[in-house]
C-alpha atoms as a PDB file:
ATOM      1  CA  MET A   1      -0.490   0.134  -0.356  1.00  0.00           C
ATOM      2  CA  ILE A   2       0.745   3.396  -0.949  1.00  0.00           C
ATOM      3  CA  ARG A   3       0.233   6.411   1.354  1.00  0.00           C
ATOM      4  CA  VAL A   4      -0.220   9.855  -0.569  1.00  0.00           C
ATOM      5  CA  GLY A   5      -0.455  13.131   0.825  1.00  0.00           C
ATOM      6  CA  PHE A   6      -2.391  16.353  -0.517  1.00  0.00           C
ATOM      7  CA  ILE A   7      -1.187  19.731  -0.180  1.00  0.00           C
ATOM      8  CA  LEU A   8      -3.348  22.532  -1.246  1.00  0.00           C
ATOM      9  CA  ARG A   9      -4.680  25.603  -2.026  1.00  0.00           C
ATOM     10  CA  PRO A  10      -8.413  25.059  -1.096  1.00  0.00           C
ATOM     11  CA  GLU A  11     -10.158  28.140  -2.657  1.00  0.00           C
ATOM     12  CA  LEU A  12      -8.363  27.793  -5.742  1.00  0.00           C
ATOM     13  CA  ARG A  13     -11.095  26.648  -9.021  1.00  0.00           C
ATOM     14  CA  ASP A  14     -11.785  22.815  -9.514  1.00  0.00           C
ATOM     15  CA  VAL A  15      -8.887  21.782  -6.647  1.00  0.00           C
ATOM     16  CA  GLY A  16     -11.856  20.033  -5.394  1.00  0.00           C
ATOM     17  CA  ASN A  17     -13.263  18.273  -8.119  1.00  0.00           C
ATOM     18  CA  LEU A  18      -9.501  17.386  -8.961  1.00  0.00           C
ATOM     19  CA  LEU A  19      -8.283  15.947  -5.521  1.00  0.00           C
ATOM     20  CA  ALA A  20     -11.535  14.113  -4.986  1.00  0.00           C
ATOM     21  CA  GLU A  21     -10.103  12.089  -8.587  1.00  0.00           C
ATOM     22  CA  LEU A  22      -6.857  11.685  -6.990  1.00  0.00           C
ATOM     23  CA  VAL A  23      -8.352  10.259  -4.093  1.00  0.00           C
ATOM     24  CA  SER A  24     -11.196   8.206  -5.276  1.00  0.00           C
ATOM     25  CA  TRP A  25      -8.140   6.110  -8.100  1.00  0.00           C
ATOM     26  CA  LEU A  26      -5.597   6.312  -4.984  1.00  0.00           C
ATOM     27  CA  VAL A  27      -8.735   4.722  -3.135  1.00  0.00           C
ATOM     28  CA  ALA A  28      -9.680   2.180  -5.947  1.00  0.00           C
ATOM     29  CA  ARG A  29      -6.188   0.741  -6.006  1.00  0.00           C
ATOM     30  CA  GLY A  30      -5.854   0.291  -2.068  1.00  0.00           C
ATOM     31  CA  ASP A  31      -3.536   2.853  -1.317  1.00  0.00           C
ATOM     32  CA  GLU A  32      -4.140   5.116   1.283  1.00  0.00           C
ATOM     33  CA  ALA A  33      -4.761   8.662   0.471  1.00  0.00           C
ATOM     34  CA  VAL A  34      -4.046  11.337   3.256  1.00  0.00           C
ATOM     35  CA  VAL A  35      -4.873  15.427   3.191  1.00  0.00           C
ATOM     36  CA  THR A  36      -4.395  17.976   5.986  1.00  0.00           C
ATOM     37  CA  ALA A  37      -7.441  19.487   8.248  1.00  0.00           C
ATOM     38  CA  GLU A  38      -6.292  22.794   7.396  1.00  0.00           C
ATOM     39  CA  ASP A  39      -7.196  22.675   4.218  1.00  0.00           C
ATOM     40  CA  GLN A  40     -10.858  21.486   4.819  1.00  0.00           C
ATOM     41  CA  VAL A  41     -11.303  19.485   1.630  1.00  0.00           C
ATOM     42  CA  ALA A  42     -11.796  16.007   2.564  1.00  0.00           C
ATOM     43  CA  PRO A  43     -13.352  13.953  -0.418  1.00  0.00           C
ATOM     44  CA  PRO A  44     -14.406  10.295   0.491  1.00  0.00           C
ATOM     45  CA  GLY A  45     -12.095   7.990   1.745  1.00  0.00           C
ATOM     46  CA  ALA A  46      -9.450  10.384   2.503  1.00  0.00           C
ATOM     47  CA  ARG A  47      -7.760  10.590   6.121  1.00  0.00           C
ATOM     48  CA  VAL A  48      -7.551  14.051   7.736  1.00  0.00           C
ATOM     49  CA  LEU A  49      -4.598  14.381   9.538  1.00  0.00           C
ATOM     50  CA  ALA A  50      -3.045  17.886  11.074  1.00  0.00           C
ATOM     51  CA  GLU A  51      -0.133  19.051   8.825  1.00  0.00           C
ATOM     52  CA  ALA A  52       2.273  19.101  11.367  1.00  0.00           C
ATOM     53  CA  GLN A  53       1.554  14.869  10.945  1.00  0.00           C
ATOM     54  CA  LEU A  54       2.106  14.696   7.426  1.00  0.00           C
ATOM     55  CA  ALA A  55       5.306  14.112   6.478  1.00  0.00           C
ATOM     56  CA  ALA A  56       5.419  10.630   8.667  1.00  0.00           C
ATOM     57  CA  ALA A  57       2.233   9.396   7.504  1.00  0.00           C
ATOM     58  CA  VAL A  58       3.396   9.196   3.910  1.00  0.00           C
ATOM     59  CA  ASP A  59       5.221   8.184   1.388  1.00  0.00           C
ATOM     60  CA  LEU A  60       5.119  10.698  -1.106  1.00  0.00           C
ATOM     61  CA  THR A  61       2.582  14.536  -1.271  1.00  0.00           C
ATOM     62  CA  VAL A  62       1.559  15.574  -4.007  1.00  0.00           C
ATOM     63  CA  VAL A  63       1.243  19.585  -4.523  1.00  0.00           C
ATOM     64  CA  LEU A  64      -1.892  20.801  -6.096  1.00  0.00           C
ATOM     65  CA  GLY A  65      -1.644  24.523  -6.226  1.00  0.00           C
ATOM     66  CA  GLY A  66       1.589  26.717  -7.511  1.00  0.00           C
ATOM     67  CA  ASP A  67       4.954  27.726  -6.490  1.00  0.00           C
ATOM     68  CA  GLY A  68       4.100  29.215  -3.016  1.00  0.00           C
ATOM     69  CA  THR A  69       1.701  25.810  -2.150  1.00  0.00           C
ATOM     70  CA  MET A  70       5.483  23.521  -3.209  1.00  0.00           C
ATOM     71  CA  LEU A  71       6.657  26.238  -0.445  1.00  0.00           C
ATOM     72  CA  ARG A  72       5.481  24.876   1.810  1.00  0.00           C
ATOM     73  CA  ALA A  73       4.950  21.445   0.974  1.00  0.00           C
ATOM     74  CA  ALA A  74       8.273  21.759   1.370  1.00  0.00           C
ATOM     75  CA  GLY A  75       8.756  23.051   5.056  1.00  0.00           C
ATOM     76  CA  LEU A  76       6.445  19.722   5.723  1.00  0.00           C
ATOM     77  CA  VAL A  77       8.142  17.552   4.399  1.00  0.00           C
ATOM     78  CA  ALA A  78      11.279  17.595   2.497  1.00  0.00           C
ATOM     79  CA  ASP A  79      13.399  17.481   6.067  1.00  0.00           C
ATOM     80  CA  HIS A  80      11.468  13.111   6.239  1.00  0.00           C
ATOM     81  CA  ASP A  81      12.889  12.636   2.452  1.00  0.00           C
ATOM     82  CA  VAL A  82       9.377  13.118   1.419  1.00  0.00           C
ATOM     83  CA  PRO A  83       9.048  13.455  -2.227  1.00  0.00           C
ATOM     84  CA  VAL A  84       7.265  15.481  -3.634  1.00  0.00           C
ATOM     85  CA  LEU A  85       5.094  16.041  -6.444  1.00  0.00           C
ATOM     86  CA  GLY A  86       3.782  18.794  -8.289  1.00  0.00           C
ATOM     87  CA  ILE A  87       0.924  19.557 -10.510  1.00  0.00           C
ATOM     88  CA  HIS A  88      -0.379  23.298 -11.227  1.00  0.00           C
ATOM     89  CA  LEU A  89      -3.165  25.222 -10.584  1.00  0.00           C
ATOM     90  CA  GLY A  90      -1.836  28.696  -9.609  1.00  0.00           C
ATOM     91  CA  ARG A  91      -0.394  31.179 -12.097  1.00  0.00           C
ATOM     92  CA  LEU A  92       3.380  30.419 -12.711  1.00  0.00           C
ATOM     93  CA  GLY A  93       3.926  27.613 -11.460  1.00  0.00           C
ATOM     94  CA  PHE A  94       7.299  26.794 -12.931  1.00  0.00           C
ATOM     95  CA  LEU A  95       7.665  23.988  -9.244  1.00  0.00           C
ATOM     96  CA  THR A  96       4.465  22.520  -9.967  1.00  0.00           C
ATOM     97  CA  PRO A  97       5.476  21.100 -13.461  1.00  0.00           C
ATOM     98  CA  PHE A  98       2.587  18.459 -14.929  1.00  0.00           C
ATOM     99  CA  THR A  99      -0.564  20.162 -16.046  1.00  0.00           C
ATOM    100  CA  THR A 100      -4.289  19.050 -14.806  1.00  0.00           C
ATOM    101  CA  ALA A 101      -4.762  16.932 -17.553  1.00  0.00           C
ATOM    102  CA  GLU A 102      -1.254  15.099 -16.847  1.00  0.00           C
ATOM    103  CA  ALA A 103      -2.303  14.170 -13.132  1.00  0.00           C
ATOM    104  CA  LEU A 104      -3.313  11.250 -13.180  1.00  0.00           C
ATOM    105  CA  PRO A 105      -1.438   9.674 -15.447  1.00  0.00           C
ATOM    106  CA  ALA A 106       1.823  11.696 -13.432  1.00  0.00           C
ATOM    107  CA  LEU A 107       0.492  10.005 -10.473  1.00  0.00           C
ATOM    108  CA  GLU A 108      -0.213   6.893 -11.971  1.00  0.00           C
ATOM    109  CA  ALA A 109       3.579   6.691 -12.917  1.00  0.00           C
ATOM    110  CA  ALA A 110       4.994   8.651  -9.536  1.00  0.00           C
ATOM    111  CA  VAL A 111       3.477   5.281  -7.395  1.00  0.00           C
ATOM    112  CA  GLY A 112       4.366   3.290  -9.642  1.00  0.00           C
ATOM    113  CA  GLY A 113       8.000   4.167  -9.674  1.00  0.00           C
ATOM    114  CA  LYS A 114       8.748   5.473 -13.338  1.00  0.00           C
ATOM    115  CA  LEU A 115       9.129   8.861 -12.454  1.00  0.00           C
ATOM    116  CA  THR A 116      13.017  10.317 -11.364  1.00  0.00           C
ATOM    117  CA  THR A 117      13.522  13.325  -8.898  1.00  0.00           C
ATOM    118  CA  SER A 118      15.650  15.887  -8.509  1.00  0.00           C
ATOM    119  CA  LYS A 119      17.468  17.147  -5.264  1.00  0.00           C
ATOM    120  CA  ARG A 120      16.083  20.073  -4.926  1.00  0.00           C
ATOM    121  CA  SER A 121      18.825  22.316  -2.428  1.00  0.00           C
ATOM    122  CA  ARG A 122      17.385  24.567   0.093  1.00  0.00           C
ATOM    123  CA  LEU A 123      18.634  27.126   3.398  1.00  0.00           C
ATOM    124  CA  MET A 124      18.567  26.756   6.358  1.00  0.00           C
ATOM    125  CA  VAL A 125      17.937  30.109   8.363  1.00  0.00           C
ATOM    126  CA  THR A 126      18.421  30.934  11.915  1.00  0.00           C
ATOM    127  CA  HIS A 127      17.292  34.137  12.971  1.00  0.00           C
ATOM    128  CA  THR A 128      19.477  35.248  16.312  1.00  0.00           C
ATOM    129  CA  PRO A 129      17.159  39.226  17.905  1.00  0.00           C
ATOM    130  CA  VAL A 130      18.948  41.238  20.070  1.00  0.00           C
ATOM    131  CA  THR A 131      16.901  39.678  22.693  1.00  0.00           C
ATOM    132  CA  GLY A 132      15.304  36.412  23.119  1.00  0.00           C
ATOM    133  CA  ALA A 133      15.544  32.970  21.835  1.00  0.00           C
ATOM    134  CA  PRO A 134      17.088  31.714  18.612  1.00  0.00           C
ATOM    135  CA  GLU A 135      14.768  30.382  15.323  1.00  0.00           C
ATOM    136  CA  ARG A 136      15.100  27.783  12.601  1.00  0.00           C
ATOM    137  CA  ARG A 137      13.361  28.018   9.568  1.00  0.00           C
ATOM    138  CA  THR A 138      14.585  26.492   6.015  1.00  0.00           C
ATOM    139  CA  ALA A 139      14.301  27.608   2.475  1.00  0.00           C
ATOM    140  CA  LEU A 140      13.213  26.110  -0.734  1.00  0.00           C
ATOM    141  CA  ASN A 141      14.026  29.835  -2.487  1.00  0.00           C
ATOM    142  CA  ASP A 142      15.069  31.859  -0.217  1.00  0.00           C
ATOM    143  CA  ALA A 143      15.923  34.345   2.866  1.00  0.00           C
ATOM    144  CA  VAL A 144      15.028  37.936   2.394  1.00  0.00           C
ATOM    145  CA  VAL A 145      16.095  41.197   4.650  1.00  0.00           C
ATOM    146  CA  HIS A 146      14.405  44.512   3.735  1.00  0.00           C
ATOM    147  CA  GLN A 147      12.650  47.681   4.064  1.00  0.00           C
ATOM    148  CA  GLY A 148       8.475  47.165   5.760  1.00  0.00           C
ATOM    149  CA  ALA A 149       5.769  49.696   5.562  1.00  0.00           C
ATOM    150  CA  MET A 150       7.960  52.651   4.985  1.00  0.00           C
ATOM    151  CA  ALA A 151       9.518  53.394   1.266  1.00  0.00           C
ATOM    152  CA  ARG A 152      13.283  54.025   1.943  1.00  0.00           C
ATOM    153  CA  LEU A 153      16.715  52.805   2.711  1.00  0.00           C
ATOM    154  CA  ILE A 154      18.103  50.582   4.685  1.00  0.00           C
ATOM    155  CA  GLU A 155      21.633  49.879   5.476  1.00  0.00           C
ATOM    156  CA  LEU A 156      23.664  46.632   6.178  1.00  0.00           C
ATOM    157  CA  GLU A 157      25.892  44.532   6.449  1.00  0.00           C
ATOM    158  CA  ALA A 158      26.917  41.151   4.637  1.00  0.00           C
ATOM    159  CA  ARG A 159      29.556  39.225   6.416  1.00  0.00           C
ATOM    160  CA  LEU A 160      30.597  35.270   4.435  1.00  0.00           C
ATOM    161  CA  ASP A 161      32.440  33.027   6.616  1.00  0.00           C
ATOM    162  CA  GLY A 162      32.600  35.643   9.076  1.00  0.00           C
ATOM    163  CA  GLU A 163      34.669  37.704   7.266  1.00  0.00           C
ATOM    164  CA  LEU A 164      33.399  41.003   5.836  1.00  0.00           C
ATOM    165  CA  ILE A 165      31.387  41.482   2.005  1.00  0.00           C
ATOM    166  CA  THR A 166      30.031  45.388   2.412  1.00  0.00           C
ATOM    167  CA  ARG A 167      27.390  47.494   3.689  1.00  0.00           C
ATOM    168  CA  TYR A 168      24.834  48.274   1.765  1.00  0.00           C
ATOM    169  CA  ARG A 169      22.119  50.865   1.510  1.00  0.00           C
ATOM    170  CA  ALA A 170      19.077  49.565  -0.570  1.00  0.00           C
ATOM    171  CA  ASP A 171      15.625  48.464  -0.400  1.00  0.00           C
ATOM    172  CA  GLY A 172      16.750  45.049   1.313  1.00  0.00           C
ATOM    173  CA  LEU A 173      18.934  41.924   0.529  1.00  0.00           C
ATOM    174  CA  ILE A 174      18.031  37.947  -1.020  1.00  0.00           C
ATOM    175  CA  ILE A 175      19.531  35.380  -0.626  1.00  0.00           C
ATOM    176  CA  ALA A 176      18.821  32.655  -3.100  1.00  0.00           C
ATOM    177  CA  THR A 177      19.039  29.072  -3.813  1.00  0.00           C
ATOM    178  CA  PRO A 178      19.738  27.852  -7.239  1.00  0.00           C
ATOM    179  CA  THR A 179      15.652  27.372  -7.435  1.00  0.00           C
ATOM    180  CA  GLY A 180      14.895  30.536  -5.784  1.00  0.00           C
ATOM    181  CA  SER A 181      16.920  32.385  -8.138  1.00  0.00           C
ATOM    182  CA  THR A 182      13.734  32.353 -11.312  1.00  0.00           C
ATOM    183  CA  ALA A 183      12.017  33.941  -8.177  1.00  0.00           C
ATOM    184  CA  TYR A 184      12.524  37.167  -6.196  1.00  0.00           C
ATOM    185  CA  ASN A 185      15.806  36.852  -7.356  1.00  0.00           C
ATOM    186  CA  LEU A 186      14.963  37.046 -10.856  1.00  0.00           C
ATOM    187  CA  ALA A 187      12.693  40.446  -9.780  1.00  0.00           C
ATOM    188  CA  ALA A 188      15.980  42.091  -8.215  1.00  0.00           C
ATOM    189  CA  GLY A 189      18.083  42.093 -10.570  1.00  0.00           C
ATOM    190  CA  GLY A 190      19.913  38.826 -10.141  1.00  0.00           C
ATOM    191  CA  PRO A 191      21.487  35.905 -11.811  1.00  0.00           C
ATOM    192  CA  ILE A 192      19.465  32.541 -13.394  1.00  0.00           C
ATOM    193  CA  ILE A 193      20.990  29.462 -11.659  1.00  0.00           C
ATOM    194  CA  SER A 194      20.635  25.296 -13.045  1.00  0.00           C
ATOM    195  CA  PRO A 195      19.534  24.008 -10.239  1.00  0.00           C
ATOM    196  CA  ALA A 196      21.771  21.778 -10.557  1.00  0.00           C
ATOM    197  CA  GLN A 197      24.820  24.096  -9.380  1.00  0.00           C
ATOM    198  CA  SER A 198      26.143  23.700  -5.852  1.00  0.00           C
ATOM    199  CA  ILE A 199      26.070  27.703  -5.161  1.00  0.00           C
ATOM    200  CA  LYS A 200      23.613  30.721  -3.965  1.00  0.00           C
ATOM    201  CA  VAL A 201      23.306  33.786  -5.095  1.00  0.00           C
ATOM    202  CA  ILE A 202      23.233  37.228  -2.803  1.00  0.00           C
ATOM    203  CA  THR A 203      21.349  40.017  -4.689  1.00  0.00           C
ATOM    204  CA  PRO A 204      20.834  43.965  -3.568  1.00  0.00           C
ATOM    205  CA  ILE A 205      17.731  44.712  -3.931  1.00  0.00           C
ATOM    206  CA  CYS A 206      17.330  48.353  -5.291  1.00  0.00           C
ATOM    207  CA  ALA A 207      20.881  49.540  -4.434  1.00  0.00           C
ATOM    208  CA  HIS A 208      22.023  53.242  -4.154  1.00  0.00           C
ATOM    209  CA  ALA A 209      25.482  53.216  -5.668  1.00  0.00           C
ATOM    210  CA  LEU A 210      26.401  51.740  -9.157  1.00  0.00           C
ATOM    211  CA  THR A 211      29.857  49.850  -6.534  1.00  0.00           C
ATOM    212  CA  ASN A 212      27.554  47.492  -4.509  1.00  0.00           C
ATOM    213  CA  ASN A 213      24.822  46.455  -6.678  1.00  0.00           C
ATOM    214  CA  ARG A 214      25.435  43.368  -8.184  1.00  0.00           C
ATOM    215  CA  PRO A 215      25.091  40.014  -7.265  1.00  0.00           C
ATOM    216  CA  LEU A 216      27.282  38.295  -5.888  1.00  0.00           C
ATOM    217  CA  VAL A 217      27.308  34.125  -6.330  1.00  0.00           C
ATOM    218  CA  VAL A 218      29.143  31.890  -2.990  1.00  0.00           C
ATOM    219  CA  ARG A 219      29.666  28.304  -2.652  1.00  0.00           C
ATOM    220  CA  LYS A 220      26.429  26.319  -1.302  1.00  0.00           C
ATOM    221  CA  GLU A 221      28.139  25.975   2.224  1.00  0.00           C
ATOM    222  CA  ALA A 222      29.277  29.128   2.466  1.00  0.00           C
ATOM    223  CA  ARG A 223      27.900  31.085   6.010  1.00  0.00           C
ATOM    224  CA  ILE A 224      26.280  34.280   4.812  1.00  0.00           C
ATOM    225  CA  SER A 225      25.434  36.979   7.671  1.00  0.00           C
ATOM    226  CA  VAL A 226      23.397  39.637   7.357  1.00  0.00           C
ATOM    227  CA  SER A 227      23.065  42.385  10.404  1.00  0.00           C
ATOM    228  CA  LEU A 228      21.792  45.985  10.233  1.00  0.00           C
ATOM    229  CA  ALA A 229      24.608  48.498   9.747  1.00  0.00           C
ATOM    230  CA  GLY A 230      23.372  51.746  10.388  1.00  0.00           C
ATOM    231  CA  ASP A 231      19.936  52.695  12.387  1.00  0.00           C
ATOM    232  CA  SER A 232      17.034  51.659  10.227  1.00  0.00           C
ATOM    233  CA  ARG A 233      13.827  50.933  11.557  1.00  0.00           C
ATOM    234  CA  GLY A 234      10.635  48.984  10.310  1.00  0.00           C
ATOM    235  CA  VAL A 235      13.183  46.007   8.518  1.00  0.00           C
ATOM    236  CA  VAL A 236      11.648  42.278   8.307  1.00  0.00           C
ATOM    237  CA  LEU A 237      12.799  39.142   7.715  1.00  0.00           C
ATOM    238  CA  THR A 238      11.311  36.684   5.978  1.00  0.00           C
ATOM    239  CA  VAL A 239      11.913  33.113   4.547  1.00  0.00           C
ATOM    240  CA  ASP A 240       9.874  31.772   1.590  1.00  0.00           C
ATOM    241  CA  GLY A 241       7.603  34.161   1.655  1.00  0.00           C
ATOM    242  CA  GLN A 242       5.734  31.766   4.463  1.00  0.00           C
ATOM    243  CA  TRP A 243       7.204  33.603   7.966  1.00  0.00           C
ATOM    244  CA  ALA A 244       8.606  36.650   9.172  1.00  0.00           C
ATOM    245  CA  ARG A 245       9.710  38.339  11.785  1.00  0.00           C
ATOM    246  CA  PRO A 246      10.859  41.903  13.164  1.00  0.00           C
ATOM    247  CA  PHE A 247      14.193  42.538  12.411  1.00  0.00           C
ATOM    248  CA  LEU A 248      16.070  44.657  15.307  1.00  0.00           C
ATOM    249  CA  PRO A 249      19.292  46.426  14.926  1.00  0.00           C
ATOM    250  CA  GLY A 250      21.174  43.826  16.686  1.00  0.00           C
ATOM    251  CA  ASP A 251      19.261  41.148  15.242  1.00  0.00           C
ATOM    252  CA  ARG A 252      21.458  39.174  12.832  1.00  0.00           C
ATOM    253  CA  VAL A 253      21.044  36.499  10.607  1.00  0.00           C
ATOM    254  CA  ASP A 254      22.605  33.270   9.391  1.00  0.00           C
ATOM    255  CA  ILE A 255      22.637  31.594   6.088  1.00  0.00           C
ATOM    256  CA  THR A 256      23.916  28.619   5.900  1.00  0.00           C
ATOM    257  CA  HIS A 257      23.186  24.872   3.468  1.00  0.00           C
ATOM    258  CA  HIS A 258      20.194  22.813   5.012  1.00  0.00           C
ATOM    259  CA  ALA A 259      21.198  19.526   4.631  1.00  0.00           C
ATOM    260  CA  LYS A 260      18.444  17.819   3.139  1.00  0.00           C
ATOM    261  CA  PRO A 261      17.605  18.914  -0.452  1.00  0.00           C
ATOM    262  CA  LEU A 262      13.592  19.094  -1.274  1.00  0.00           C
ATOM    263  CA  LEU A 263      12.730  16.075  -3.534  1.00  0.00           C
ATOM    264  CA  LEU A 264      11.093  17.074  -6.589  1.00  0.00           C
ATOM    265  CA  PHE A 265       9.285  14.543  -8.807  1.00  0.00           C
ATOM    266  CA  ASP A 266      10.832  15.737 -12.502  1.00  0.00           C
ATOM    267  CA  SER A 267       8.527  15.759 -15.676  1.00  0.00           C
ATOM    268  CA  GLY A 268      11.319  14.984 -17.681  1.00  0.00           C
ATOM    269  CA  LYS A 269      11.259  18.487 -19.429  1.00  0.00           C
ATOM    270  CA  PRO A 270      15.453  19.974 -19.687  1.00  0.00           C
ATOM    271  CA  TYR A 271      15.646  22.593 -17.430  1.00  0.00           C
ATOM    272  CA  PHE A 272      16.153  25.098 -20.890  1.00  0.00           C
ATOM    273  CA  ASP A 273      13.029  23.881 -21.724  1.00  0.00           C
ATOM    274  CA  ILE A 274      10.637  24.862 -18.602  1.00  0.00           C
ATOM    275  CA  LEU A 275      12.265  28.386 -18.960  1.00  0.00           C
ATOM    276  CA  ARG A 276      11.323  29.042 -22.569  1.00  0.00           C
ATOM    277  CA  GLU A 277       8.027  28.247 -21.352  1.00  0.00           C
ATOM    278  CA  LYS A 278       6.923  29.946 -18.409  1.00  0.00           C
ATOM    279  CA  PHE A 279       9.105  32.820 -18.715  1.00  0.00           C
ATOM    280  CA  HIS A 280       8.821  33.203 -22.674  1.00  0.00           C
ATOM    281  CA  TRP A 281      12.479  33.006 -22.901  1.00  0.00           C
ATOM    282  CA  GLY A 282      15.151  33.437 -25.371  1.00  0.00           C
ATOM    283  CA  TRP A 283      13.334  32.790 -29.389  1.00  0.00           C
ATOM    284  CA  GLY A 284      12.685  28.902 -29.063  1.00  0.00           C
ATOM    285  CA  ALA A 285      14.031  25.537 -29.843  1.00  0.00           C
ATOM    286  CA  PRO A 286      15.967  24.699 -31.751  1.00  0.00           C
ATOM    287  CA  ASP A 287      15.151  23.428 -35.493  1.00  0.00           C
ATOM    288  CA  ARG A 288      16.489  19.206 -34.286  1.00  0.00           C
END
């Protein structure tokens, strides 16, 4: 018996119908379908668990949604080596490569062991406040220190393995994985990085200087530390756009490599084919 968990974005149109179809197929095979109580959608035959219990109760996970739903899933199951199958119901869907029409065939292939997985590196983000205990979160895409509600520059000091890189005057700073390079990092002018590369990138957001507005690529094992260099107020630390904390003078955030990658089921499409399809990038594929 294969145990399949589902993580979804309940408000999306048709997600309930697709979930019911996939659950019905699994139950008919004698497999188990598990949904989360937080998603509040439970088709007949599905087992309902709190999302904190999901990873220990399933062999693979299906995401029905977009990239935001995939980021949520990564935070729930990646530490348990549970592979994730992404079905695209959102907007861009860079991390959810299968369409709704491909959902059942893709699930059948995943359950049957016919799909390969790729390893997507993650970050370990440790926020050490000036008072209180440190908090740790994992990130598939990025950690971002940025201005809050006020539109004004902030001053940030960045270090690499303890050595000063520079002091930025900018709207913020993004530390991204190769997977996250096509998210906020790309919008801020950072480079696209193939997921197979063992690196991460530091990208300033609207830096107020020509000399330090360039992204910096470093090895994935490097420790990046960021703190406020001036008396900036209203600054926020966000992790994968899913978790946020105020970032105060005296606080520090350390971003290191996480030993556990996310296991992501592949569609079989080459990475640069996906780039061209999702971003309408370049002139298309050459004639073969």
